[in-house]
Amino acid sequence: MIGEIELFNGLSMDRIGSFDSMSIDIIYIPPKNVEPLCYHDECDEFLYVVEGELDIYIGDDIKTCKRGEYVCVPRGMKHGSKNTTDDVVKLMAICSPSYKTEYHHWCDAGR
């Protein structure tokens, strides 16, 4: 584990800052990792690739993001990621309002 906070599915993170209105986290995504689709009805999310390359699924679209590229995920939108590389991906996640683990909802077959 690289980050101080263990998440799920091999992911970890460091919380950079948090207020009621916003949180900033660095998420570490291991090589060959797939994050199943999830959604957050409670917050909007901005994902910025700090290091590496990551396939990010948003709704029915897939965007391959390299260092310096980003995507915006509106609340309620299903999303996930896939690290197809042999390197750890470092991703900055900015959420508004502040992200809490109880906001993480896994998609089921009906969503």
PDB file of N, CA and C in Angstrom:
ATOM      1  N   MET A   1       0.853  -1.180   0.000  1.00  0.00           N
ATOM      2  CA  MET A   1       0.000   0.000   0.000  1.00  0.00           C
ATOM      3  C   MET A   1       0.893   1.236   0.000  1.00  0.00           C
ATOM      4  N   ILE A   2       0.608   2.169  -0.885  1.00  0.00           N
ATOM      5  CA  ILE A   2       1.401   3.389  -0.990  1.00  0.00           C
ATOM      6  C   ILE A   2       0.808   4.504  -0.133  1.00  0.00           C
ATOM      7  N   GLY A   3      -0.491   4.736  -0.271  1.00  0.00           N
ATOM      8  CA  GLY A   3      -1.139   5.819   0.470  1.00  0.00           C
ATOM      9  C   GLY A   3      -1.392   5.448   1.920  1.00  0.00           C
ATOM     10  N   GLU A   4      -1.676   6.450   2.723  1.00  0.00           N
ATOM     11  CA  GLU A   4      -1.911   6.242   4.151  1.00  0.00           C
ATOM     12  C   GLU A   4      -3.269   5.621   4.459  1.00  0.00           C
ATOM     13  N   ILE A   5      -4.253   5.790   3.549  1.00  0.00           N
ATOM     14  CA  ILE A   5      -5.614   5.302   3.792  1.00  0.00           C
ATOM     15  C   ILE A   5      -5.916   4.184   2.796  1.00  0.00           C
ATOM     16  N   GLU A   6      -6.230   2.985   3.307  1.00  0.00           N
ATOM     17  CA  GLU A   6      -6.592   1.870   2.437  1.00  0.00           C
ATOM     18  C   GLU A   6      -8.032   2.038   1.990  1.00  0.00           C
ATOM     19  N   LEU A   7      -8.271   1.878   0.704  1.00  0.00           N
ATOM     20  CA  LEU A   7      -9.626   2.020   0.171  1.00  0.00           C
ATOM     21  C   LEU A   7     -10.227   0.644  -0.089  1.00  0.00           C
ATOM     22  N   PHE A   8     -10.285   0.212  -1.325  1.00  0.00           N
ATOM     23  CA  PHE A   8     -10.902  -1.040  -1.725  1.00  0.00           C
ATOM     24  C   PHE A   8     -10.185  -1.507  -2.976  1.00  0.00           C
ATOM     25  N   ASN A   9     -10.269  -2.793  -3.256  1.00  0.00           N
ATOM     26  CA  ASN A   9      -9.764  -3.330  -4.520  1.00  0.00           C
ATOM     27  C   ASN A   9      -8.299  -2.974  -4.770  1.00  0.00           C
ATOM     28  N   GLY A  10      -7.491  -2.858  -3.711  1.00  0.00           N
ATOM     29  CA  GLY A  10      -6.065  -2.568  -3.860  1.00  0.00           C
ATOM     30  C   GLY A  10      -5.711  -1.099  -3.932  1.00  0.00           C
ATOM     31  N   LEU A  11      -6.714  -0.218  -3.963  1.00  0.00           N
ATOM     32  CA  LEU A  11      -6.452   1.212  -4.034  1.00  0.00           C
ATOM     33  C   LEU A  11      -6.138   1.774  -2.653  1.00  0.00           C
ATOM     34  N   SER A  12      -5.333   2.838  -2.630  1.00  0.00           N
ATOM     35  CA  SER A  12      -5.065   3.566  -1.391  1.00  0.00           C
ATOM     36  C   SER A  12      -5.031   5.052  -1.727  1.00  0.00           C
ATOM     37  N   MET A  13      -5.052   5.901  -0.689  1.00  0.00           N
ATOM     38  CA  MET A  13      -5.062   7.339  -0.951  1.00  0.00           C
ATOM     39  C   MET A  13      -4.423   8.110   0.182  1.00  0.00           C
ATOM     40  N   ASP A  14      -4.047   9.332  -0.136  1.00  0.00           N
ATOM     41  CA  ASP A  14      -3.618  10.330   0.841  1.00  0.00           C
ATOM     42  C   ASP A  14      -4.602  11.477   0.763  1.00  0.00           C
ATOM     43  N   ARG A  15      -5.144  11.892   1.893  1.00  0.00           N
ATOM     44  CA  ARG A  15      -6.040  13.047   1.926  1.00  0.00           C
ATOM     45  C   ARG A  15      -5.177  14.293   2.010  1.00  0.00           C
ATOM     46  N   ILE A  16      -5.265  15.148   0.985  1.00  0.00           N
ATOM     47  CA  ILE A  16      -4.466  16.368   0.912  1.00  0.00           C
ATOM     48  C   ILE A  16      -5.149  17.499   1.673  1.00  0.00           C
ATOM     49  N   GLY A  17      -6.460  17.595   1.515  1.00  0.00           N
ATOM     50  CA  GLY A  17      -7.216  18.637   2.197  1.00  0.00           C
ATOM     51  C   GLY A  17      -8.685  18.306   2.174  1.00  0.00           C
ATOM     52  N   SER A  18      -9.402  18.802   3.184  1.00  0.00           N
ATOM     53  CA  SER A  18     -10.822  18.528   3.244  1.00  0.00           C
ATOM     54  C   SER A  18     -11.541  19.638   4.001  1.00  0.00           C
ATOM     55  N   PHE A  19     -12.621  20.095   3.391  1.00  0.00           N
ATOM     56  CA  PHE A  19     -13.541  21.049   4.001  1.00  0.00           C
ATOM     57  C   PHE A  19     -14.932  20.471   3.804  1.00  0.00           C
ATOM     58  N   ASP A  20     -15.953  21.048   4.384  1.00  0.00           N
ATOM     59  CA  ASP A  20     -17.311  20.564   4.137  1.00  0.00           C
ATOM     60  C   ASP A  20     -17.662  20.651   2.661  1.00  0.00           C
ATOM     61  N   SER A  21     -17.151  21.691   1.995  1.00  0.00           N
ATOM     62  CA  SER A  21     -17.533  21.949   0.612  1.00  0.00           C
ATOM     63  C   SER A  21     -16.661  21.253  -0.433  1.00  0.00           C
ATOM     64  N   MET A  22     -15.494  20.697  -0.028  1.00  0.00           N
ATOM     65  CA  MET A  22     -14.581  20.131  -1.026  1.00  0.00           C
ATOM     66  C   MET A  22     -13.542  19.239  -0.349  1.00  0.00           C
ATOM     67  N   SER A  23     -13.097  18.199  -1.072  1.00  0.00           N
ATOM     68  CA  SER A  23     -11.959  17.391  -0.619  1.00  0.00           C
ATOM     69  C   SER A  23     -10.995  17.202  -1.775  1.00  0.00           C
ATOM     70  N   ILE A  24      -9.710  17.073  -1.441  1.00  0.00           N
ATOM     71  CA  ILE A  24      -8.669  16.813  -2.430  1.00  0.00           C
ATOM     72  C   ILE A  24      -7.889  15.600  -1.955  1.00  0.00           C
ATOM     73  N   ASP A  25      -7.861  14.560  -2.790  1.00  0.00           N
ATOM     74  CA  ASP A  25      -7.186  13.314  -2.445  1.00  0.00           C
ATOM     75  C   ASP A  25      -6.254  12.896  -3.574  1.00  0.00           C
ATOM     76  N   ILE A  26      -5.174  12.222  -3.210  1.00  0.00           N
ATOM     77  CA  ILE A  26      -4.315  11.557  -4.185  1.00  0.00           C
ATOM     78  C   ILE A  26      -4.604  10.066  -4.054  1.00  0.00           C
ATOM     79  N   ILE A  27      -5.012   9.457  -5.157  1.00  0.00           N
ATOM     80  CA  ILE A  27      -5.361   8.038  -5.175  1.00  0.00           C
ATOM     81  C   ILE A  27      -4.285   7.288  -5.949  1.00  0.00           C
ATOM     82  N   TYR A  28      -3.851   6.163  -5.387  1.00  0.00           N
ATOM     83  CA  TYR A  28      -2.824   5.324  -6.008  1.00  0.00           C
ATOM     84  C   TYR A  28      -3.500   4.066  -6.551  1.00  0.00           C
ATOM     85  N   ILE A  29      -3.380   3.856  -7.864  1.00  0.00           N
ATOM     86  CA  ILE A  29      -4.036   2.736  -8.533  1.00  0.00           C
ATOM     87  C   ILE A  29      -2.965   1.743  -8.979  1.00  0.00           C
ATOM     88  N   PRO A  30      -2.971   0.534  -8.421  1.00  0.00           N
ATOM     89  CA  PRO A  30      -1.932  -0.448  -8.731  1.00  0.00           C
ATOM     90  C   PRO A  30      -1.942  -0.879 -10.195  1.00  0.00           C
ATOM     91  N   PRO A  31      -0.825  -1.426 -10.660  1.00  0.00           N
ATOM     92  CA  PRO A  31      -0.757  -1.955 -12.029  1.00  0.00           C
ATOM     93  C   PRO A  31      -1.827  -3.014 -12.275  1.00  0.00           C
ATOM     94  N   LYS A  32      -2.360  -3.012 -13.489  1.00  0.00           N
ATOM     95  CA  LYS A  32      -3.348  -4.007 -13.942  1.00  0.00           C
ATOM     96  C   LYS A  32      -4.608  -4.028 -13.074  1.00  0.00           C
ATOM     97  N   ASN A  33      -4.949  -2.913 -12.453  1.00  0.00           N
ATOM     98  CA  ASN A  33      -6.104  -2.834 -11.555  1.00  0.00           C
ATOM     99  C   ASN A  33      -7.348  -2.399 -12.316  1.00  0.00           C
ATOM    100  N   VAL A  34      -8.473  -2.998 -11.988  1.00  0.00           N
ATOM    101  CA  VAL A  34      -9.768  -2.608 -12.556  1.00  0.00           C
ATOM    102  C   VAL A  34     -10.682  -2.214 -11.403  1.00  0.00           C
ATOM    103  N   GLU A  35     -11.190  -0.981 -11.440  1.00  0.00           N
ATOM    104  CA  GLU A  35     -12.177  -0.548 -10.451  1.00  0.00           C
ATOM    105  C   GLU A  35     -13.554  -0.722 -11.064  1.00  0.00           C
ATOM    106  N   PRO A  36     -14.400  -1.562 -10.466  1.00  0.00           N
ATOM    107  CA  PRO A  36     -15.753  -1.736 -10.997  1.00  0.00           C
ATOM    108  C   PRO A  36     -16.527  -0.417 -10.992  1.00  0.00           C
ATOM    109  N   LEU A  37     -17.556  -0.358 -11.812  1.00  0.00           N
ATOM    110  CA  LEU A  37     -18.360   0.859 -11.902  1.00  0.00           C
ATOM    111  C   LEU A  37     -19.018   1.184 -10.566  1.00  0.00           C
ATOM    112  N   CYS A  38     -19.026   2.475 -10.245  1.00  0.00           N
ATOM    113  CA  CYS A  38     -19.648   2.976  -9.028  1.00  0.00           C
ATOM    114  C   CYS A  38     -20.295   4.317  -9.350  1.00  0.00           C
ATOM    115  N   TYR A  39     -20.930   4.906  -8.353  1.00  0.00           N
ATOM    116  CA  TYR A  39     -21.502   6.247  -8.518  1.00  0.00           C
ATOM    117  C   TYR A  39     -21.569   6.916  -7.155  1.00  0.00           C
ATOM    118  N   HIS A  40     -21.680   8.227  -7.167  1.00  0.00           N
ATOM    119  CA  HIS A  40     -21.815   9.022  -5.948  1.00  0.00           C
ATOM    120  C   HIS A  40     -22.947  10.020  -6.170  1.00  0.00           C
ATOM    121  N   ASP A  41     -24.088   9.797  -5.547  1.00  0.00           N
ATOM    122  CA  ASP A  41     -25.203  10.743  -5.669  1.00  0.00           C
ATOM    123  C   ASP A  41     -24.942  12.013  -4.869  1.00  0.00           C
ATOM    124  N   GLU A  42     -23.988  11.948  -3.944  1.00  0.00           N
ATOM    125  CA  GLU A  42     -23.773  13.033  -2.999  1.00  0.00           C
ATOM    126  C   GLU A  42     -22.715  14.045  -3.414  1.00  0.00           C
ATOM    127  N   CYS A  43     -21.895  13.749  -4.437  1.00  0.00           N
ATOM    128  CA  CYS A  43     -20.830  14.701  -4.796  1.00  0.00           C
ATOM    129  C   CYS A  43     -20.464  14.624  -6.269  1.00  0.00           C
ATOM    130  N   ASP A  44     -19.954  15.742  -6.788  1.00  0.00           N
ATOM    131  CA  ASP A  44     -19.352  15.809  -8.117  1.00  0.00           C
ATOM    132  C   ASP A  44     -17.870  15.522  -7.946  1.00  0.00           C
ATOM    133  N   GLU A  45     -17.235  14.988  -9.013  1.00  0.00           N
ATOM    134  CA  GLU A  45     -15.843  14.571  -8.902  1.00  0.00           C
ATOM    135  C   GLU A  45     -15.047  15.047 -10.120  1.00  0.00           C
ATOM    136  N   PHE A  46     -13.866  15.565  -9.869  1.00  0.00           N
ATOM    137  CA  PHE A  46     -12.923  15.991 -10.899  1.00  0.00           C
ATOM    138  C   PHE A  46     -11.706  15.092 -10.741  1.00  0.00           C
ATOM    139  N   LEU A  47     -11.336  14.336 -11.789  1.00  0.00           N
ATOM    140  CA  LEU A  47     -10.222  13.392 -11.724  1.00  0.00           C
ATOM    141  C   LEU A  47      -9.105  13.842 -12.644  1.00  0.00           C
ATOM    142  N   TYR A  48      -7.916  14.038 -12.086  1.00  0.00           N
ATOM    143  CA  TYR A  48      -6.756  14.561 -12.811  1.00  0.00           C
ATOM    144  C   TYR A  48      -5.603  13.562 -12.682  1.00  0.00           C
ATOM    145  N   VAL A  49      -5.046  13.109 -13.815  1.00  0.00           N
ATOM    146  CA  VAL A  49      -3.948  12.145 -13.785  1.00  0.00           C
ATOM    147  C   VAL A  49      -2.639  12.888 -13.523  1.00  0.00           C
ATOM    148  N   VAL A  50      -2.040  12.593 -12.370  1.00  0.00           N
ATOM    149  CA  VAL A  50      -0.779  13.212 -11.966  1.00  0.00           C
ATOM    150  C   VAL A  50       0.395  12.447 -12.560  1.00  0.00           C
ATOM    151  N   GLU A  51       0.327  11.114 -12.520  1.00  0.00           N
ATOM    152  CA  GLU A  51       1.374  10.251 -13.083  1.00  0.00           C
ATOM    153  C   GLU A  51       0.730   9.029 -13.707  1.00  0.00           C
ATOM    154  N   GLY A  52       1.218   8.626 -14.873  1.00  0.00           N
ATOM    155  CA  GLY A  52       0.775   7.396 -15.514  1.00  0.00           C
ATOM    156  C   GLY A  52      -0.286   7.606 -16.566  1.00  0.00           C
ATOM    157  N   GLU A  53      -0.992   6.518 -16.877  1.00  0.00           N
ATOM    158  CA  GLU A  53      -2.047   6.503 -17.887  1.00  0.00           C
ATOM    159  C   GLU A  53      -3.162   5.601 -17.386  1.00  0.00           C
ATOM    160  N   LEU A  54      -4.399   6.046 -17.570  1.00  0.00           N
ATOM    161  CA  LEU A  54      -5.538   5.348 -16.987  1.00  0.00           C
ATOM    162  C   LEU A  54      -6.735   5.419 -17.924  1.00  0.00           C
ATOM    163  N   ASP A  55      -7.405   4.287 -18.119  1.00  0.00           N
ATOM    164  CA  ASP A  55      -8.685   4.277 -18.823  1.00  0.00           C
ATOM    165  C   ASP A  55      -9.762   4.601 -17.799  1.00  0.00           C
ATOM    166  N   ILE A  56     -10.537   5.651 -18.062  1.00  0.00           N
ATOM    167  CA  ILE A  56     -11.597   6.063 -17.148  1.00  0.00           C
ATOM    168  C   ILE A  56     -12.939   5.894 -17.864  1.00  0.00           C
ATOM    169  N   TYR A  57     -13.832   5.168 -17.221  1.00  0.00           N
ATOM    170  CA  TYR A  57     -15.166   4.912 -17.748  1.00  0.00           C
ATOM    171  C   TYR A  57     -16.121   5.910 -17.116  1.00  0.00           C
ATOM    172  N   ILE A  58     -16.850   6.649 -17.962  1.00  0.00           N
ATOM    173  CA  ILE A  58     -17.853   7.599 -17.485  1.00  0.00           C
ATOM    174  C   ILE A  58     -19.122   7.349 -18.288  1.00  0.00           C
ATOM    175  N   GLY A  59     -20.157   6.896 -17.606  1.00  0.00           N
ATOM    176  CA  GLY A  59     -21.366   6.515 -18.325  1.00  0.00           C
ATOM    177  C   GLY A  59     -21.036   5.386 -19.286  1.00  0.00           C
ATOM    178  N   ASP A  60     -21.328   5.577 -20.572  1.00  0.00           N
ATOM    179  CA  ASP A  60     -21.025   4.561 -21.581  1.00  0.00           C
ATOM    180  C   ASP A  60     -19.754   4.887 -22.366  1.00  0.00           C
ATOM    181  N   ASP A  61     -19.035   5.914 -21.962  1.00  0.00           N
ATOM    182  CA  ASP A  61     -17.818   6.341 -22.664  1.00  0.00           C
ATOM    183  C   ASP A  61     -16.559   5.888 -21.926  1.00  0.00           C
ATOM    184  N   ILE A  62     -15.476   5.735 -22.684  1.00  0.00           N
ATOM    185  CA  ILE A  62     -14.160   5.422 -22.130  1.00  0.00           C
ATOM    186  C   ILE A  62     -13.193   6.487 -22.615  1.00  0.00           C
ATOM    187  N   LYS A  63     -12.433   7.063 -21.690  1.00  0.00           N
ATOM    188  CA  LYS A  63     -11.408   8.037 -22.058  1.00  0.00           C
ATOM    189  C   LYS A  63     -10.080   7.584 -21.471  1.00  0.00           C
ATOM    190  N   THR A  64      -9.073   7.469 -22.329  1.00  0.00           N
ATOM    191  CA  THR A  64      -7.729   7.164 -21.852  1.00  0.00           C
ATOM    192  C   THR A  64      -7.060   8.482 -21.495  1.00  0.00           C
ATOM    193  N   CYS A  65      -6.735   8.637 -20.220  1.00  0.00           N
ATOM    194  CA  CYS A  65      -6.135   9.879 -19.733  1.00  0.00           C
ATOM    195  C   CYS A  65      -4.676   9.643 -19.392  1.00  0.00           C
ATOM    196  N   LYS A  66      -3.837  10.532 -19.894  1.00  0.00           N
ATOM    197  CA  LYS A  66      -2.413  10.501 -19.595  1.00  0.00           C
ATOM    198  C   LYS A  66      -2.097  11.630 -18.624  1.00  0.00           C
ATOM    199  N   ARG A  67      -0.872  11.669 -18.165  1.00  0.00           N
ATOM    200  CA  ARG A  67      -0.423  12.708 -17.237  1.00  0.00           C
ATOM    201  C   ARG A  67      -0.873  14.090 -17.725  1.00  0.00           C
ATOM    202  N   GLY A  68      -1.509  14.846 -16.836  1.00  0.00           N
ATOM    203  CA  GLY A  68      -1.959  16.197 -17.168  1.00  0.00           C
ATOM    204  C   GLY A  68      -3.364  16.269 -17.736  1.00  0.00           C
ATOM    205  N   GLU A  69      -4.009  15.127 -17.964  1.00  0.00           N
ATOM    206  CA  GLU A  69      -5.368  15.133 -18.503  1.00  0.00           C
ATOM    207  C   GLU A  69      -6.366  14.841 -17.389  1.00  0.00           C
ATOM    208  N   TYR A  70      -7.622  15.217 -17.617  1.00  0.00           N
ATOM    209  CA  TYR A  70      -8.634  15.093 -16.567  1.00  0.00           C
ATOM    210  C   TYR A  70     -10.004  14.789 -17.146  1.00  0.00           C
ATOM    211  N   VAL A  71     -10.898  14.372 -16.259  1.00  0.00           N
ATOM    212  CA  VAL A  71     -12.310  14.198 -16.590  1.00  0.00           C
ATOM    213  C   VAL A  71     -13.133  14.749 -15.430  1.00  0.00           C
ATOM    214  N   CYS A  72     -14.350  15.149 -15.733  1.00  0.00           N
ATOM    215  CA  CYS A  72     -15.301  15.597 -14.716  1.00  0.00           C
ATOM    216  C   CYS A  72     -16.430  14.572 -14.649  1.00  0.00           C
ATOM    217  N   VAL A  73     -16.754  14.159 -13.440  1.00  0.00           N
ATOM    218  CA  VAL A  73     -17.805  13.161 -13.234  1.00  0.00           C
ATOM    219  C   VAL A  73     -18.921  13.804 -12.417  1.00  0.00           C
ATOM    220  N   PRO A  74     -20.057  14.103 -13.042  1.00  0.00           N
ATOM    221  CA  PRO A  74     -21.167  14.696 -12.285  1.00  0.00           C
ATOM    222  C   PRO A  74     -21.766  13.682 -11.315  1.00  0.00           C
ATOM    223  N   ARG A  75     -22.330  14.198 -10.237  1.00  0.00           N
ATOM    224  CA  ARG A  75     -22.943  13.296  -9.247  1.00  0.00           C
ATOM    225  C   ARG A  75     -23.979  12.406  -9.912  1.00  0.00           C
ATOM    226  N   GLY A  76     -24.011  11.157  -9.460  1.00  0.00           N
ATOM    227  CA  GLY A  76     -24.955  10.181  -9.998  1.00  0.00           C
ATOM    228  C   GLY A  76     -24.479   9.448 -11.233  1.00  0.00           C
ATOM    229  N   MET A  77     -23.393   9.902 -11.861  1.00  0.00           N
ATOM    230  CA  MET A  77     -22.898   9.281 -13.093  1.00  0.00           C
ATOM    231  C   MET A  77     -22.063   8.047 -12.749  1.00  0.00           C
ATOM    232  N   LYS A  78     -22.362   6.917 -13.385  1.00  0.00           N
ATOM    233  CA  LYS A  78     -21.552   5.726 -13.138  1.00  0.00           C
ATOM    234  C   LYS A  78     -20.169   5.933 -13.753  1.00  0.00           C
ATOM    235  N   HIS A  79     -19.154   5.452 -13.039  1.00  0.00           N
ATOM    236  CA  HIS A  79     -17.778   5.601 -13.509  1.00  0.00           C
ATOM    237  C   HIS A  79     -16.884   4.545 -12.871  1.00  0.00           C
ATOM    238  N   GLY A  80     -15.750   4.318 -13.474  1.00  0.00           N
ATOM    239  CA  GLY A  80     -14.769   3.354 -12.987  1.00  0.00           C
ATOM    240  C   GLY A  80     -13.466   3.576 -13.722  1.00  0.00           C
ATOM    241  N   SER A  81     -12.492   2.714 -13.478  1.00  0.00           N
ATOM    242  CA  SER A  81     -11.201   2.896 -14.136  1.00  0.00           C
ATOM    243  C   SER A  81     -10.506   1.566 -14.340  1.00  0.00           C
ATOM    244  N   LYS A  82      -9.522   1.591 -15.248  1.00  0.00           N
ATOM    245  CA  LYS A  82      -8.712   0.417 -15.530  1.00  0.00           C
ATOM    246  C   LYS A  82      -7.284   0.874 -15.797  1.00  0.00           C
ATOM    247  N   ASN A  83      -6.357   0.379 -14.996  1.00  0.00           N
ATOM    248  CA  ASN A  83      -4.938   0.651 -15.207  1.00  0.00           C
ATOM    249  C   ASN A  83      -4.374  -0.543 -15.957  1.00  0.00           C
ATOM    250  N   THR A  84      -4.131  -0.384 -17.241  1.00  0.00           N
ATOM    251  CA  THR A  84      -3.631  -1.486 -18.070  1.00  0.00           C
ATOM    252  C   THR A  84      -2.107  -1.537 -18.083  1.00  0.00           C
ATOM    253  N   THR A  85      -1.445  -0.624 -17.383  1.00  0.00           N
ATOM    254  CA  THR A  85       0.009  -0.530 -17.415  1.00  0.00           C
ATOM    255  C   THR A  85       0.656  -1.347 -16.294  1.00  0.00           C
ATOM    256  N   ASP A  86       1.975  -1.390 -16.319  1.00  0.00           N
ATOM    257  CA  ASP A  86       2.758  -2.067 -15.287  1.00  0.00           C
ATOM    258  C   ASP A  86       3.196  -1.110 -14.192  1.00  0.00           C
ATOM    259  N   ASP A  87       2.679   0.104 -14.203  1.00  0.00           N
ATOM    260  CA  ASP A  87       3.071   1.125 -13.238  1.00  0.00           C
ATOM    261  C   ASP A  87       1.887   1.576 -12.399  1.00  0.00           C
ATOM    262  N   VAL A  88       2.168   2.079 -11.202  1.00  0.00           N
ATOM    263  CA  VAL A  88       1.137   2.673 -10.357  1.00  0.00           C
ATOM    264  C   VAL A  88       0.700   3.998 -10.984  1.00  0.00           C
ATOM    265  N   VAL A  89      -0.599   4.235 -11.046  1.00  0.00           N
ATOM    266  CA  VAL A  89      -1.128   5.504 -11.523  1.00  0.00           C
ATOM    267  C   VAL A  89      -1.440   6.370 -10.302  1.00  0.00           C
ATOM    268  N   LYS A  90      -1.050   7.632 -10.383  1.00  0.00           N
ATOM    269  CA  LYS A  90      -1.319   8.601  -9.322  1.00  0.00           C
ATOM    270  C   LYS A  90      -2.388   9.553  -9.842  1.00  0.00           C
ATOM    271  N   LEU A  91      -3.541   9.578  -9.159  1.00  0.00           N
ATOM    272  CA  LEU A  91      -4.712  10.316  -9.615  1.00  0.00           C
ATOM    273  C   LEU A  91      -5.141  11.297  -8.531  1.00  0.00           C
ATOM    274  N   MET A  92      -5.354  12.557  -8.892  1.00  0.00           N
ATOM    275  CA  MET A  92      -5.901  13.529  -7.949  1.00  0.00           C
ATOM    276  C   MET A  92      -7.416  13.560  -8.122  1.00  0.00           C
ATOM    277  N   ALA A  93      -8.130  13.397  -7.013  1.00  0.00           N
ATOM    278  CA  ALA A  93      -9.591  13.458  -7.027  1.00  0.00           C
ATOM    279  C   ALA A  93     -10.036  14.653  -6.194  1.00  0.00           C
ATOM    280  N   ILE A  94     -10.760  15.558  -6.834  1.00  0.00           N
ATOM    281  CA  ILE A  94     -11.314  16.713  -6.143  1.00  0.00           C
ATOM    282  C   ILE A  94     -12.832  16.529  -6.153  1.00  0.00           C
ATOM    283  N   CYS A  95     -13.426  16.489  -4.968  1.00  0.00           N
ATOM    284  CA  CYS A  95     -14.863  16.242  -4.848  1.00  0.00           C
ATOM    285  C   CYS A  95     -15.550  17.421  -4.168  1.00  0.00           C
ATOM    286  N   SER A  96     -16.776  17.695  -4.630  1.00  0.00           N
ATOM    287  CA  SER A  96     -17.571  18.745  -4.019  1.00  0.00           C
ATOM    288  C   SER A  96     -19.006  18.254  -3.893  1.00  0.00           C
ATOM    289  N   PRO A  97     -19.561  18.216  -2.685  1.00  0.00           N
ATOM    290  CA  PRO A  97     -18.903  18.485  -1.415  1.00  0.00           C
ATOM    291  C   PRO A  97     -17.877  17.408  -1.098  1.00  0.00           C
ATOM    292  N   SER A  98     -17.247  17.522   0.047  1.00  0.00           N
ATOM    293  CA  SER A  98     -16.172  16.628   0.451  1.00  0.00           C
ATOM    294  C   SER A  98     -16.577  15.160   0.357  1.00  0.00           C
ATOM    295  N   TYR A  99     -15.690  14.327  -0.232  1.00  0.00           N
ATOM    296  CA  TYR A  99     -15.944  12.895  -0.391  1.00  0.00           C
ATOM    297  C   TYR A  99     -15.860  12.166   0.948  1.00  0.00           C
ATOM    298  N   LYS A 100     -16.805  11.288   1.166  1.00  0.00           N
ATOM    299  CA  LYS A 100     -16.804  10.398   2.324  1.00  0.00           C
ATOM    300  C   LYS A 100     -17.003   8.976   1.805  1.00  0.00           C
ATOM    301  N   THR A 101     -16.383   7.997   2.450  1.00  0.00           N
ATOM    302  CA  THR A 101     -16.468   6.624   1.935  1.00  0.00           C
ATOM    303  C   THR A 101     -17.902   6.122   1.841  1.00  0.00           C
ATOM    304  N   GLU A 102     -18.789   6.620   2.686  1.00  0.00           N
ATOM    305  CA  GLU A 102     -20.179   6.165   2.595  1.00  0.00           C
ATOM    306  C   GLU A 102     -20.875   6.691   1.330  1.00  0.00           C
ATOM    307  N   TYR A 103     -20.242   7.599   0.591  1.00  0.00           N
ATOM    308  CA  TYR A 103     -20.787   8.082  -0.681  1.00  0.00           C
ATOM    309  C   TYR A 103     -20.522   7.102  -1.827  1.00  0.00           C
ATOM    310  N   HIS A 104     -19.702   6.086  -1.579  1.00  0.00           N
ATOM    311  CA  HIS A 104     -19.306   5.152  -2.634  1.00  0.00           C
ATOM    312  C   HIS A 104     -20.359   4.061  -2.776  1.00  0.00           C
ATOM    313  N   HIS A 105     -21.028   4.031  -3.926  1.00  0.00           N
ATOM    314  CA  HIS A 105     -22.069   3.044  -4.194  1.00  0.00           C
ATOM    315  C   HIS A 105     -21.664   2.238  -5.432  1.00  0.00           C
ATOM    316  N   TRP A 106     -21.622   0.920  -5.315  1.00  0.00           N
ATOM    317  CA  TRP A 106     -21.288   0.076  -6.451  1.00  0.00           C
ATOM    318  C   TRP A 106     -22.513  -0.050  -7.353  1.00  0.00           C
ATOM    319  N   CYS A 107     -22.274  -0.045  -8.648  1.00  0.00           N
ATOM    320  CA  CYS A 107     -23.366  -0.210  -9.608  1.00  0.00           C
ATOM    321  C   CYS A 107     -23.807  -1.667  -9.616  1.00  0.00           C
ATOM    322  N   ASP A 108     -25.110  -1.863  -9.725  1.00  0.00           N
ATOM    323  CA  ASP A 108     -25.622  -3.209  -9.892  1.00  0.00           C
ATOM    324  C   ASP A 108     -26.107  -3.331 -11.327  1.00  0.00           C
ATOM    325  N   ALA A 109     -26.631  -4.454 -11.660  1.00  0.00           N
ATOM    326  CA  ALA A 109     -27.046  -4.694 -13.043  1.00  0.00           C
ATOM    327  C   ALA A 109     -28.108  -3.706 -13.512  1.00  0.00           C
ATOM    328  N   GLY A 110     -28.855  -3.115 -12.576  1.00  0.00           N
ATOM    329  CA  GLY A 110     -29.933  -2.219 -12.976  1.00  0.00           C
ATOM    330  C   GLY A 110     -29.532  -0.770 -13.136  1.00  0.00           C
ATOM    331  N   ARG A 111     -28.285  -0.422 -12.884  1.00  0.00           N
ATOM    332  CA  ARG A 111     -27.903   1.009 -12.970  1.00  0.00           C
ATOM    333  C   ARG A 111     -27.081   1.281 -14.177  1.00  0.00           C
TER     334      ARG A 111
END
